[in-house]
Amino acid sequence: MKANERTPMFVEVSDIVFEAYDVIVVGSGPAGITLAKSLEKSGKRVLIIETGKQDFDTDLQDQYGAMYGRGHFDGSHWPGHWVRALGGTSLLWQGVCAPLTQRNLASWPIDRVDLDPYYPVAAALLGRSTEFLTYAAPFMTGFDFRPFSYDEPVRFGEANLAAFKVSSAIHFLLETTVNGLATNSARN
């Protein structure tokens, strides 16, 4: 994107006044955009910092691919799953999803019922019917048939771009990587 094509939602690092924002969100993927929209509804001004550009950039993604491995995955695994661009990894998502079951959470400190209030919200954000959230049919002893949703994927950057262009509460700082956080004594 050329400098003269920038809209007010995109800010330059040289123009940032961090104190003008109530919250700074790192990453513009599904979680970051959803959080920013929720904060906007509660009257907060939000700055989203994103390593990538507005559109997918192969060179930038390849540079990110040169990172060192994390855990048991080498540097070639995560770059293929983490997209550095507005909308984050939703740019790769194929639209397949299914809710977890209690069996999936057997070793977790939460139960499926703890997630139940959030599933309809997530279904709406992902453009999914809530019908698949609770559907189950006996399949074989110990197993139920539970369908996956294969609807079209939501590209969070594209899907929210028009709303972001008119929002005075959400701004994006693109092509900027957060590599550490330092808090003040008030931790704000």
N, C-alpha and C. Protein backbone atom coordinates (compact mmCIF):
# COMPACT_ATOMS: atom_id res chain seq x y z
N MET A 1 0.85 -1.16 0.00
CA MET A 1 0.00 0.00 0.00
C MET A 1 0.90 1.24 0.00
N LYS A 2 0.56 2.16 -0.84
CA LYS A 2 1.32 3.41 -0.91
C LYS A 2 0.88 4.33 0.21
N ALA A 3 1.77 5.23 0.62
CA ALA A 3 1.48 6.14 1.73
C ALA A 3 0.21 6.93 1.50
N ASN A 4 -0.03 7.38 0.27
CA ASN A 4 -1.23 8.19 0.02
C ASN A 4 -2.51 7.36 -0.03
N GLU A 5 -2.41 6.04 0.01
CA GLU A 5 -3.58 5.17 0.03
C GLU A 5 -4.02 4.82 1.45
N ARG A 6 -3.28 5.24 2.43
CA ARG A 6 -3.61 4.90 3.82
C ARG A 6 -4.90 5.62 4.24
N THR A 7 -5.70 4.91 5.00
CA THR A 7 -6.90 5.49 5.55
C THR A 7 -6.63 5.87 7.00
N PRO A 8 -7.51 6.63 7.63
CA PRO A 8 -7.28 7.03 9.03
C PRO A 8 -7.12 5.85 9.99
N MET A 9 -7.61 4.68 9.62
CA MET A 9 -7.48 3.54 10.53
C MET A 9 -6.03 3.06 10.63
N PHE A 10 -5.20 3.39 9.65
CA PHE A 10 -3.80 3.01 9.68
C PHE A 10 -2.98 4.19 10.17
N VAL A 11 -2.17 3.95 11.16
CA VAL A 11 -1.34 5.01 11.72
C VAL A 11 0.13 4.67 11.51
N GLU A 12 0.94 5.70 11.51
CA GLU A 12 2.39 5.53 11.35
C GLU A 12 3.03 5.53 12.73
N VAL A 13 4.10 4.79 12.89
CA VAL A 13 4.77 4.71 14.18
C VAL A 13 5.23 6.10 14.64
N SER A 14 5.61 6.95 13.70
CA SER A 14 6.08 8.30 14.08
C SER A 14 4.96 9.18 14.60
N ASP A 15 3.71 8.81 14.33
CA ASP A 15 2.56 9.61 14.76
C ASP A 15 1.87 9.06 16.01
N ILE A 16 2.33 7.93 16.52
CA ILE A 16 1.65 7.26 17.64
C ILE A 16 1.81 8.04 18.93
N VAL A 17 0.68 8.24 19.60
CA VAL A 17 0.66 8.73 20.97
C VAL A 17 0.01 7.60 21.76
N PHE A 18 0.83 6.77 22.36
CA PHE A 18 0.31 5.57 23.01
C PHE A 18 -0.71 5.89 24.09
N GLU A 19 -0.56 7.02 24.76
CA GLU A 19 -1.50 7.39 25.82
C GLU A 19 -2.91 7.66 25.27
N ALA A 20 -3.05 7.82 23.96
CA ALA A 20 -4.36 8.06 23.37
C ALA A 20 -5.21 6.79 23.31
N TYR A 21 -4.60 5.66 23.59
CA TYR A 21 -5.30 4.38 23.51
C TYR A 21 -5.50 3.80 24.90
N ASP A 22 -6.68 3.22 25.08
CA ASP A 22 -6.98 2.54 26.35
C ASP A 22 -6.35 1.15 26.39
N VAL A 23 -6.27 0.52 25.21
CA VAL A 23 -5.77 -0.84 25.13
C VAL A 23 -4.93 -0.99 23.86
N ILE A 24 -3.85 -1.73 23.97
CA ILE A 24 -3.03 -2.08 22.81
C ILE A 24 -3.13 -3.59 22.65
N VAL A 25 -3.52 -4.01 21.45
CA VAL A 25 -3.67 -5.43 21.13
C VAL A 25 -2.54 -5.81 20.17
N VAL A 26 -1.87 -6.91 20.44
CA VAL A 26 -0.80 -7.37 19.58
C VAL A 26 -1.33 -8.49 18.70
N GLY A 27 -1.38 -8.25 17.40
CA GLY A 27 -1.84 -9.23 16.43
C GLY A 27 -3.24 -8.92 15.93
N SER A 28 -3.43 -9.00 14.61
CA SER A 28 -4.71 -8.66 14.01
C SER A 28 -5.43 -9.88 13.47
N GLY A 29 -5.18 -11.03 14.08
CA GLY A 29 -5.89 -12.24 13.68
C GLY A 29 -7.28 -12.29 14.30
N PRO A 30 -7.95 -13.41 14.22
CA PRO A 30 -9.31 -13.53 14.76
C PRO A 30 -9.42 -13.10 16.22
N ALA A 31 -8.49 -13.50 17.07
CA ALA A 31 -8.58 -13.14 18.49
C ALA A 31 -8.36 -11.64 18.68
N GLY A 32 -7.35 -11.08 18.03
CA GLY A 32 -7.05 -9.65 18.18
C GLY A 32 -8.17 -8.77 17.67
N ILE A 33 -8.71 -9.10 16.50
CA ILE A 33 -9.79 -8.29 15.93
C ILE A 33 -11.05 -8.42 16.76
N THR A 34 -11.36 -9.63 17.21
CA THR A 34 -12.56 -9.83 18.04
C THR A 34 -12.44 -9.06 19.35
N LEU A 35 -11.28 -9.11 19.96
CA LEU A 35 -11.06 -8.37 21.20
C LEU A 35 -11.19 -6.87 20.97
N ALA A 36 -10.59 -6.36 19.90
CA ALA A 36 -10.66 -4.93 19.61
C ALA A 36 -12.09 -4.47 19.38
N LYS A 37 -12.87 -5.26 18.65
CA LYS A 37 -14.27 -4.89 18.40
C LYS A 37 -15.08 -4.89 19.69
N SER A 38 -14.82 -5.84 20.56
CA SER A 38 -15.51 -5.90 21.85
C SER A 38 -15.14 -4.69 22.71
N LEU A 39 -13.87 -4.35 22.72
CA LEU A 39 -13.42 -3.18 23.50
C LEU A 39 -14.02 -1.89 22.94
N GLU A 40 -14.11 -1.80 21.62
CA GLU A 40 -14.73 -0.62 21.00
C GLU A 40 -16.17 -0.45 21.47
N LYS A 41 -16.91 -1.57 21.54
CA LYS A 41 -18.30 -1.51 21.99
C LYS A 41 -18.42 -1.01 23.43
N SER A 42 -17.38 -1.21 24.22
CA SER A 42 -17.41 -0.73 25.60
C SER A 42 -16.77 0.66 25.74
N GLY A 43 -16.57 1.33 24.61
CA GLY A 43 -16.10 2.71 24.64
C GLY A 43 -14.59 2.89 24.72
N LYS A 44 -13.84 1.85 24.45
CA LYS A 44 -12.38 1.92 24.53
C LYS A 44 -11.78 2.26 23.17
N ARG A 45 -10.66 2.98 23.21
CA ARG A 45 -9.87 3.24 22.00
C ARG A 45 -8.75 2.19 21.96
N VAL A 46 -8.59 1.57 20.79
CA VAL A 46 -7.71 0.41 20.67
C VAL A 46 -6.70 0.62 19.54
N LEU A 47 -5.46 0.27 19.84
CA LEU A 47 -4.42 0.21 18.82
C LEU A 47 -4.06 -1.25 18.64
N ILE A 48 -4.14 -1.73 17.39
CA ILE A 48 -3.72 -3.09 17.07
C ILE A 48 -2.38 -3.00 16.36
N ILE A 49 -1.40 -3.69 16.92
CA ILE A 49 -0.07 -3.72 16.31
C ILE A 49 0.08 -5.05 15.57
N GLU A 50 0.43 -4.96 14.29
CA GLU A 50 0.54 -6.14 13.42
C GLU A 50 1.88 -6.13 12.71
N THR A 51 2.58 -7.26 12.75
CA THR A 51 3.87 -7.39 12.07
C THR A 51 3.71 -7.23 10.56
N GLY A 52 2.62 -7.76 10.02
CA GLY A 52 2.44 -7.77 8.58
C GLY A 52 1.86 -6.49 8.01
N LYS A 53 1.56 -6.58 6.73
CA LYS A 53 0.97 -5.47 5.99
C LYS A 53 -0.53 -5.68 5.88
N GLN A 54 -1.20 -4.77 5.16
CA GLN A 54 -2.64 -4.95 4.98
C GLN A 54 -2.92 -6.21 4.16
N ASP A 55 -2.12 -6.46 3.16
CA ASP A 55 -2.28 -7.63 2.31
C ASP A 55 -1.14 -8.61 2.55
N PHE A 56 -1.38 -9.87 2.25
CA PHE A 56 -0.36 -10.89 2.40
C PHE A 56 0.86 -10.53 1.56
N ASP A 57 2.04 -10.68 2.14
CA ASP A 57 3.29 -10.37 1.45
C ASP A 57 4.20 -11.59 1.56
N THR A 58 4.45 -12.22 0.42
CA THR A 58 5.24 -13.46 0.41
C THR A 58 6.64 -13.24 0.97
N ASP A 59 7.27 -12.12 0.62
CA ASP A 59 8.63 -11.86 1.13
C ASP A 59 8.64 -11.75 2.64
N LEU A 60 7.68 -11.02 3.20
CA LEU A 60 7.60 -10.87 4.65
C LEU A 60 7.35 -12.22 5.31
N GLN A 61 6.45 -13.00 4.74
CA GLN A 61 6.15 -14.32 5.30
C GLN A 61 7.39 -15.22 5.24
N ASP A 62 8.12 -15.14 4.13
CA ASP A 62 9.34 -15.95 4.01
C ASP A 62 10.39 -15.53 5.03
N GLN A 63 10.51 -14.23 5.27
CA GLN A 63 11.46 -13.75 6.28
C GLN A 63 11.07 -14.27 7.65
N TYR A 64 9.79 -14.28 7.94
CA TYR A 64 9.30 -14.80 9.20
C TYR A 64 9.62 -16.29 9.31
N GLY A 65 9.61 -16.99 8.17
CA GLY A 65 9.90 -18.41 8.14
C GLY A 65 11.33 -18.75 8.53
N ALA A 66 12.20 -17.76 8.56
CA ALA A 66 13.59 -18.00 8.93
C ALA A 66 13.79 -18.03 10.44
N MET A 67 12.70 -17.90 11.19
CA MET A 67 12.82 -17.90 12.65
C MET A 67 13.29 -19.24 13.17
N TYR A 68 13.77 -19.23 14.39
CA TYR A 68 14.17 -20.47 15.04
C TYR A 68 12.94 -21.25 15.47
N GLY A 69 13.09 -22.54 15.59
CA GLY A 69 11.98 -23.39 15.97
C GLY A 69 11.46 -23.09 17.37
N ARG A 70 10.24 -23.47 17.59
CA ARG A 70 9.60 -23.32 18.89
C ARG A 70 9.24 -24.71 19.38
N GLY A 71 9.72 -25.07 20.54
CA GLY A 71 9.38 -26.38 21.08
C GLY A 71 9.88 -27.49 20.19
N HIS A 72 9.01 -28.42 19.86
CA HIS A 72 9.42 -29.57 19.06
C HIS A 72 9.25 -29.33 17.56
N PHE A 73 8.84 -28.12 17.16
CA PHE A 73 8.70 -27.81 15.75
C PHE A 73 9.87 -26.97 15.29
N ASP A 74 10.36 -27.26 14.10
CA ASP A 74 11.45 -26.44 13.59
C ASP A 74 10.88 -25.18 12.94
N GLY A 75 11.74 -24.35 12.43
CA GLY A 75 11.35 -23.06 11.87
C GLY A 75 10.45 -23.15 10.66
N SER A 76 10.29 -24.33 10.05
CA SER A 76 9.42 -24.42 8.88
C SER A 76 7.96 -24.70 9.23
N HIS A 77 7.70 -25.11 10.46
CA HIS A 77 6.33 -25.48 10.82
C HIS A 77 5.45 -24.26 11.09
N TRP A 78 5.80 -23.46 12.07
CA TRP A 78 4.92 -22.36 12.49
C TRP A 78 4.69 -21.30 11.43
N PRO A 79 5.68 -20.91 10.63
CA PRO A 79 5.41 -19.90 9.62
C PRO A 79 4.30 -20.28 8.65
N GLY A 80 4.11 -21.56 8.44
CA GLY A 80 3.03 -22.01 7.57
C GLY A 80 1.67 -21.94 8.23
N HIS A 81 1.64 -21.68 9.53
CA HIS A 81 0.40 -21.63 10.28
C HIS A 81 0.12 -20.25 10.87
N TRP A 82 1.09 -19.39 10.89
CA TRP A 82 0.93 -18.04 11.43
C TRP A 82 1.14 -17.06 10.29
N VAL A 83 0.13 -16.31 9.95
CA VAL A 83 0.24 -15.38 8.84
C VAL A 83 0.46 -13.98 9.38
N ARG A 84 1.43 -13.31 8.82
CA ARG A 84 1.73 -11.94 9.17
C ARG A 84 1.09 -11.02 8.15
N ALA A 85 -0.17 -10.63 8.41
CA ALA A 85 -0.94 -9.72 7.55
C ALA A 85 -2.23 -9.38 8.30
N LEU A 86 -2.90 -8.33 7.87
CA LEU A 86 -4.17 -7.94 8.47
C LEU A 86 -5.16 -9.11 8.37
N GLY A 87 -5.64 -9.57 9.50
CA GLY A 87 -6.53 -10.72 9.54
C GLY A 87 -5.82 -11.98 10.00
N GLY A 88 -4.49 -11.92 10.07
CA GLY A 88 -3.71 -13.02 10.60
C GLY A 88 -3.99 -14.35 9.94
N THR A 89 -4.01 -15.38 10.73
CA THR A 89 -4.11 -16.74 10.23
C THR A 89 -5.48 -17.04 9.62
N SER A 90 -6.45 -16.15 9.81
CA SER A 90 -7.74 -16.37 9.14
C SER A 90 -7.57 -16.35 7.62
N LEU A 91 -6.45 -15.81 7.13
CA LEU A 91 -6.18 -15.81 5.69
C LEU A 91 -5.89 -17.22 5.17
N LEU A 92 -5.49 -18.13 6.06
CA LEU A 92 -5.20 -19.52 5.66
C LEU A 92 -6.31 -20.49 6.02
N TRP A 93 -7.14 -20.12 6.98
CA TRP A 93 -8.15 -21.03 7.50
C TRP A 93 -9.06 -21.51 6.38
N GLN A 94 -9.35 -22.78 6.36
CA GLN A 94 -10.20 -23.35 5.32
C GLN A 94 -11.67 -23.41 5.71
N GLY A 95 -12.03 -22.96 6.90
CA GLY A 95 -13.43 -22.91 7.31
C GLY A 95 -13.90 -24.12 8.08
N VAL A 96 -13.05 -25.10 8.30
CA VAL A 96 -13.44 -26.32 9.00
C VAL A 96 -13.36 -26.08 10.50
N CYS A 97 -14.45 -26.37 11.21
CA CYS A 97 -14.42 -26.25 12.67
C CYS A 97 -15.45 -27.16 13.30
N ALA A 98 -15.22 -27.47 14.56
CA ALA A 98 -16.14 -28.29 15.35
C ALA A 98 -15.93 -27.93 16.81
N PRO A 99 -16.99 -27.96 17.59
CA PRO A 99 -16.83 -27.67 19.02
C PRO A 99 -16.16 -28.83 19.75
N LEU A 100 -15.48 -28.49 20.80
CA LEU A 100 -14.86 -29.51 21.65
C LEU A 100 -15.95 -30.25 22.42
N THR A 101 -15.61 -31.46 22.85
CA THR A 101 -16.51 -32.23 23.70
C THR A 101 -15.86 -32.37 25.07
N GLN A 102 -16.60 -32.88 26.03
CA GLN A 102 -16.03 -33.11 27.35
C GLN A 102 -14.83 -34.04 27.27
N ARG A 103 -14.91 -35.00 26.38
CA ARG A 103 -13.81 -35.95 26.19
C ARG A 103 -12.53 -35.22 25.76
N ASN A 104 -12.66 -34.19 24.91
CA ASN A 104 -11.50 -33.41 24.47
C ASN A 104 -10.85 -32.66 25.62
N LEU A 105 -11.63 -32.36 26.64
CA LEU A 105 -11.15 -31.54 27.75
C LEU A 105 -10.83 -32.36 28.99
N ALA A 106 -10.67 -33.66 28.84
CA ALA A 106 -10.47 -34.56 29.97
C ALA A 106 -9.32 -34.15 30.89
N SER A 107 -8.26 -33.62 30.35
CA SER A 107 -7.09 -33.25 31.17
C SER A 107 -7.01 -31.75 31.43
N TRP A 108 -8.04 -31.04 31.13
CA TRP A 108 -8.05 -29.59 31.30
C TRP A 108 -8.68 -29.20 32.63
N PRO A 109 -8.40 -28.00 33.11
CA PRO A 109 -9.01 -27.55 34.37
C PRO A 109 -10.42 -26.97 34.17
N ILE A 110 -10.95 -27.07 32.95
CA ILE A 110 -12.31 -26.59 32.68
C ILE A 110 -13.10 -27.72 32.07
N ASP A 111 -14.42 -27.59 32.13
CA ASP A 111 -15.32 -28.56 31.52
C ASP A 111 -15.96 -27.94 30.29
N ARG A 112 -16.56 -28.78 29.46
CA ARG A 112 -17.24 -28.28 28.27
C ARG A 112 -18.33 -27.28 28.65
N VAL A 113 -19.02 -27.52 29.72
CA VAL A 113 -20.10 -26.59 30.12
C VAL A 113 -19.56 -25.19 30.40
N ASP A 114 -18.28 -25.09 30.77
CA ASP A 114 -17.68 -23.78 30.98
C ASP A 114 -17.56 -23.00 29.67
N LEU A 115 -17.46 -23.73 28.57
CA LEU A 115 -17.33 -23.09 27.25
C LEU A 115 -18.68 -22.81 26.59
N ASP A 116 -19.73 -23.48 27.06
CA ASP A 116 -21.04 -23.38 26.42
C ASP A 116 -21.51 -21.94 26.17
N PRO A 117 -21.34 -21.00 27.10
CA PRO A 117 -21.82 -19.63 26.82
C PRO A 117 -21.06 -18.95 25.67
N TYR A 118 -19.86 -19.41 25.38
CA TYR A 118 -19.02 -18.75 24.37
C TYR A 118 -19.19 -19.32 22.97
N TYR A 119 -19.68 -20.54 22.86
CA TYR A 119 -19.82 -21.16 21.55
C TYR A 119 -20.79 -20.42 20.63
N PRO A 120 -21.96 -19.99 21.08
CA PRO A 120 -22.83 -19.24 20.17
C PRO A 120 -22.20 -17.92 19.70
N VAL A 121 -21.44 -17.29 20.56
CA VAL A 121 -20.73 -16.05 20.19
C VAL A 121 -19.70 -16.37 19.11
N ALA A 122 -18.92 -17.43 19.33
CA ALA A 122 -17.91 -17.83 18.35
C ALA A 122 -18.56 -18.23 17.03
N ALA A 123 -19.68 -18.95 17.09
CA ALA A 123 -20.36 -19.36 15.86
C ALA A 123 -20.78 -18.13 15.05
N ALA A 124 -21.30 -17.12 15.71
CA ALA A 124 -21.69 -15.90 15.01
C ALA A 124 -20.48 -15.21 14.38
N LEU A 125 -19.39 -15.12 15.12
CA LEU A 125 -18.17 -14.48 14.59
C LEU A 125 -17.62 -15.23 13.38
N LEU A 126 -17.80 -16.54 13.37
CA LEU A 126 -17.28 -17.37 12.29
C LEU A 126 -18.30 -17.61 11.18
N GLY A 127 -19.47 -16.98 11.32
CA GLY A 127 -20.51 -17.14 10.30
C GLY A 127 -21.08 -18.55 10.26
N ARG A 128 -21.21 -19.17 11.41
CA ARG A 128 -21.67 -20.55 11.50
C ARG A 128 -23.04 -20.62 12.16
N SER A 129 -23.82 -21.60 11.77
CA SER A 129 -25.08 -21.90 12.44
C SER A 129 -24.76 -22.51 13.79
N THR A 130 -25.60 -22.24 14.76
CA THR A 130 -25.38 -22.84 16.09
C THR A 130 -25.84 -24.29 16.15
N GLU A 131 -26.50 -24.78 15.11
CA GLU A 131 -27.02 -26.15 15.12
C GLU A 131 -25.93 -27.20 15.32
N PHE A 132 -24.76 -26.97 14.75
CA PHE A 132 -23.72 -27.98 14.85
C PHE A 132 -23.04 -27.99 16.22
N LEU A 133 -23.35 -27.02 17.08
CA LEU A 133 -22.70 -26.93 18.38
C LEU A 133 -23.08 -28.07 19.31
N THR A 134 -24.30 -28.52 19.22
CA THR A 134 -24.77 -29.55 20.16
C THR A 134 -25.23 -30.83 19.47
N TYR A 135 -25.22 -30.87 18.16
CA TYR A 135 -25.71 -32.05 17.45
C TYR A 135 -24.81 -33.25 17.76
N ALA A 136 -25.45 -34.36 18.08
CA ALA A 136 -24.74 -35.62 18.29
C ALA A 136 -25.71 -36.76 18.00
N ALA A 137 -25.21 -37.76 17.30
CA ALA A 137 -26.02 -38.95 17.02
C ALA A 137 -25.17 -40.17 17.35
N PRO A 138 -25.79 -41.19 17.94
CA PRO A 138 -25.01 -42.40 18.25
C PRO A 138 -24.34 -42.95 16.99
N PHE A 139 -23.08 -43.32 17.13
CA PHE A 139 -22.33 -43.83 15.99
C PHE A 139 -21.91 -45.28 16.25
N MET A 140 -21.20 -45.47 17.33
CA MET A 140 -20.83 -46.80 17.78
C MET A 140 -20.56 -46.71 19.28
N THR A 141 -20.44 -47.81 19.95
CA THR A 141 -20.27 -47.81 21.40
C THR A 141 -19.13 -46.87 21.81
N GLY A 142 -19.48 -45.91 22.64
CA GLY A 142 -18.49 -44.97 23.14
C GLY A 142 -18.24 -43.78 22.23
N PHE A 143 -18.89 -43.74 21.07
CA PHE A 143 -18.66 -42.65 20.13
C PHE A 143 -19.98 -42.09 19.61
N ASP A 144 -20.03 -40.79 19.49
CA ASP A 144 -21.15 -40.11 18.84
C ASP A 144 -20.65 -39.50 17.55
N PHE A 145 -21.55 -39.39 16.59
CA PHE A 145 -21.24 -38.65 15.37
C PHE A 145 -21.48 -37.17 15.66
N ARG A 146 -20.48 -36.36 15.45
CA ARG A 146 -20.58 -34.91 15.60
C ARG A 146 -20.02 -34.29 14.32
N PRO A 147 -20.82 -33.49 13.67
CA PRO A 147 -20.38 -32.95 12.38
C PRO A 147 -19.39 -31.80 12.52
N PHE A 148 -18.60 -31.63 11.49
CA PHE A 148 -17.75 -30.46 11.34
C PHE A 148 -18.51 -29.45 10.50
N SER A 149 -18.23 -28.19 10.70
CA SER A 149 -18.76 -27.15 9.84
C SER A 149 -17.75 -26.92 8.72
N TYR A 150 -18.22 -26.95 7.49
CA TYR A 150 -17.37 -26.73 6.33
C TYR A 150 -17.78 -25.47 5.56
N ASP A 151 -18.46 -24.56 6.22
CA ASP A 151 -18.89 -23.33 5.56
C ASP A 151 -17.69 -22.51 5.13
N GLU A 152 -17.94 -21.52 4.30
CA GLU A 152 -16.88 -20.64 3.83
C GLU A 152 -16.14 -20.01 5.01
N PRO A 153 -14.84 -19.89 4.91
CA PRO A 153 -14.07 -19.27 6.00
C PRO A 153 -14.28 -17.76 6.06
N VAL A 154 -14.21 -17.23 7.26
CA VAL A 154 -14.27 -15.78 7.47
C VAL A 154 -12.84 -15.26 7.46
N ARG A 155 -12.56 -14.31 6.61
CA ARG A 155 -11.27 -13.64 6.57
C ARG A 155 -11.43 -12.37 7.39
N PHE A 156 -10.95 -12.38 8.62
CA PHE A 156 -11.25 -11.33 9.60
C PHE A 156 -10.83 -9.93 9.14
N GLY A 157 -9.72 -9.81 8.47
CA GLY A 157 -9.30 -8.50 7.98
C GLY A 157 -10.27 -7.96 6.95
N GLU A 158 -10.56 -8.77 5.93
CA GLU A 158 -11.48 -8.37 4.87
C GLU A 158 -12.89 -8.15 5.40
N ALA A 159 -13.36 -9.06 6.24
CA ALA A 159 -14.73 -9.01 6.74
C ALA A 159 -15.02 -7.77 7.57
N ASN A 160 -13.99 -7.20 8.18
CA ASN A 160 -14.19 -6.05 9.07
C ASN A 160 -13.62 -4.75 8.52
N LEU A 161 -13.06 -4.79 7.32
CA LEU A 161 -12.37 -3.63 6.78
C LEU A 161 -13.26 -2.40 6.67
N ALA A 162 -14.47 -2.55 6.16
CA ALA A 162 -15.37 -1.40 6.00
C ALA A 162 -15.69 -0.76 7.35
N ALA A 163 -15.93 -1.59 8.37
CA ALA A 163 -16.23 -1.06 9.71
C ALA A 163 -15.01 -0.37 10.30
N PHE A 164 -13.83 -0.92 10.05
CA PHE A 164 -12.61 -0.30 10.57
C PHE A 164 -12.36 1.06 9.93
N LYS A 165 -12.70 1.20 8.67
CA LYS A 165 -12.46 2.47 7.96
C LYS A 165 -13.26 3.62 8.54
N VAL A 166 -14.41 3.34 9.13
CA VAL A 166 -15.23 4.41 9.70
C VAL A 166 -15.11 4.50 11.22
N SER A 167 -14.38 3.58 11.82
CA SER A 167 -14.22 3.59 13.26
C SER A 167 -13.17 4.62 13.68
N SER A 168 -13.50 5.38 14.69
CA SER A 168 -12.51 6.31 15.24
C SER A 168 -11.86 5.70 16.48
N ALA A 169 -12.29 4.49 16.85
CA ALA A 169 -11.80 3.87 18.08
C ALA A 169 -10.77 2.78 17.87
N ILE A 170 -10.65 2.27 16.64
CA ILE A 170 -9.69 1.20 16.37
C ILE A 170 -8.72 1.67 15.30
N HIS A 171 -7.45 1.63 15.62
CA HIS A 171 -6.39 1.98 14.68
C HIS A 171 -5.43 0.81 14.57
N PHE A 172 -4.73 0.76 13.43
CA PHE A 172 -3.76 -0.29 13.16
C PHE A 172 -2.39 0.32 12.93
N LEU A 173 -1.41 -0.28 13.55
CA LEU A 173 -0.02 0.03 13.30
C LEU A 173 0.56 -1.21 12.62
N LEU A 174 0.72 -1.13 11.30
CA LEU A 174 1.18 -2.27 10.52
C LEU A 174 2.69 -2.25 10.38
N GLU A 175 3.21 -3.39 9.96
CA GLU A 175 4.64 -3.56 9.72
C GLU A 175 5.48 -3.20 10.94
N THR A 176 4.94 -3.57 12.11
CA THR A 176 5.62 -3.29 13.38
C THR A 176 5.54 -4.54 14.24
N THR A 177 6.68 -5.00 14.70
CA THR A 177 6.73 -6.21 15.50
C THR A 177 6.97 -5.87 16.96
N VAL A 178 6.17 -6.44 17.83
CA VAL A 178 6.38 -6.31 19.27
C VAL A 178 7.34 -7.43 19.67
N ASN A 179 8.45 -7.07 20.25
CA ASN A 179 9.41 -8.10 20.66
C ASN A 179 9.66 -8.10 22.15
N GLY A 180 8.87 -7.33 22.88
CA GLY A 180 8.99 -7.33 24.34
C GLY A 180 8.00 -6.34 24.93
N LEU A 181 7.69 -6.54 26.17
CA LEU A 181 6.78 -5.65 26.89
C LEU A 181 7.44 -5.20 28.18
N ALA A 182 7.26 -3.95 28.51
CA ALA A 182 7.77 -3.42 29.77
C ALA A 182 6.64 -2.65 30.41
N THR A 183 6.34 -2.95 31.66
CA THR A 183 5.25 -2.27 32.34
C THR A 183 5.81 -1.18 33.24
N ASN A 184 4.95 -0.22 33.53
CA ASN A 184 5.33 0.79 34.52
C ASN A 184 4.90 0.30 35.90
N SER A 185 5.14 1.07 36.92
CA SER A 185 4.83 0.62 38.28
C SER A 185 3.34 0.37 38.48
N ALA A 186 2.49 1.06 37.70
CA ALA A 186 1.04 0.86 37.81
C ALA A 186 0.58 -0.32 36.94
N ARG A 187 1.49 -0.88 36.14
CA ARG A 187 1.21 -1.99 35.25
C ARG A 187 0.10 -1.66 34.27
N ASN A 188 0.10 -0.42 33.77
CA ASN A 188 -0.90 -0.06 32.76
C ASN A 188 -0.24 0.52 31.53
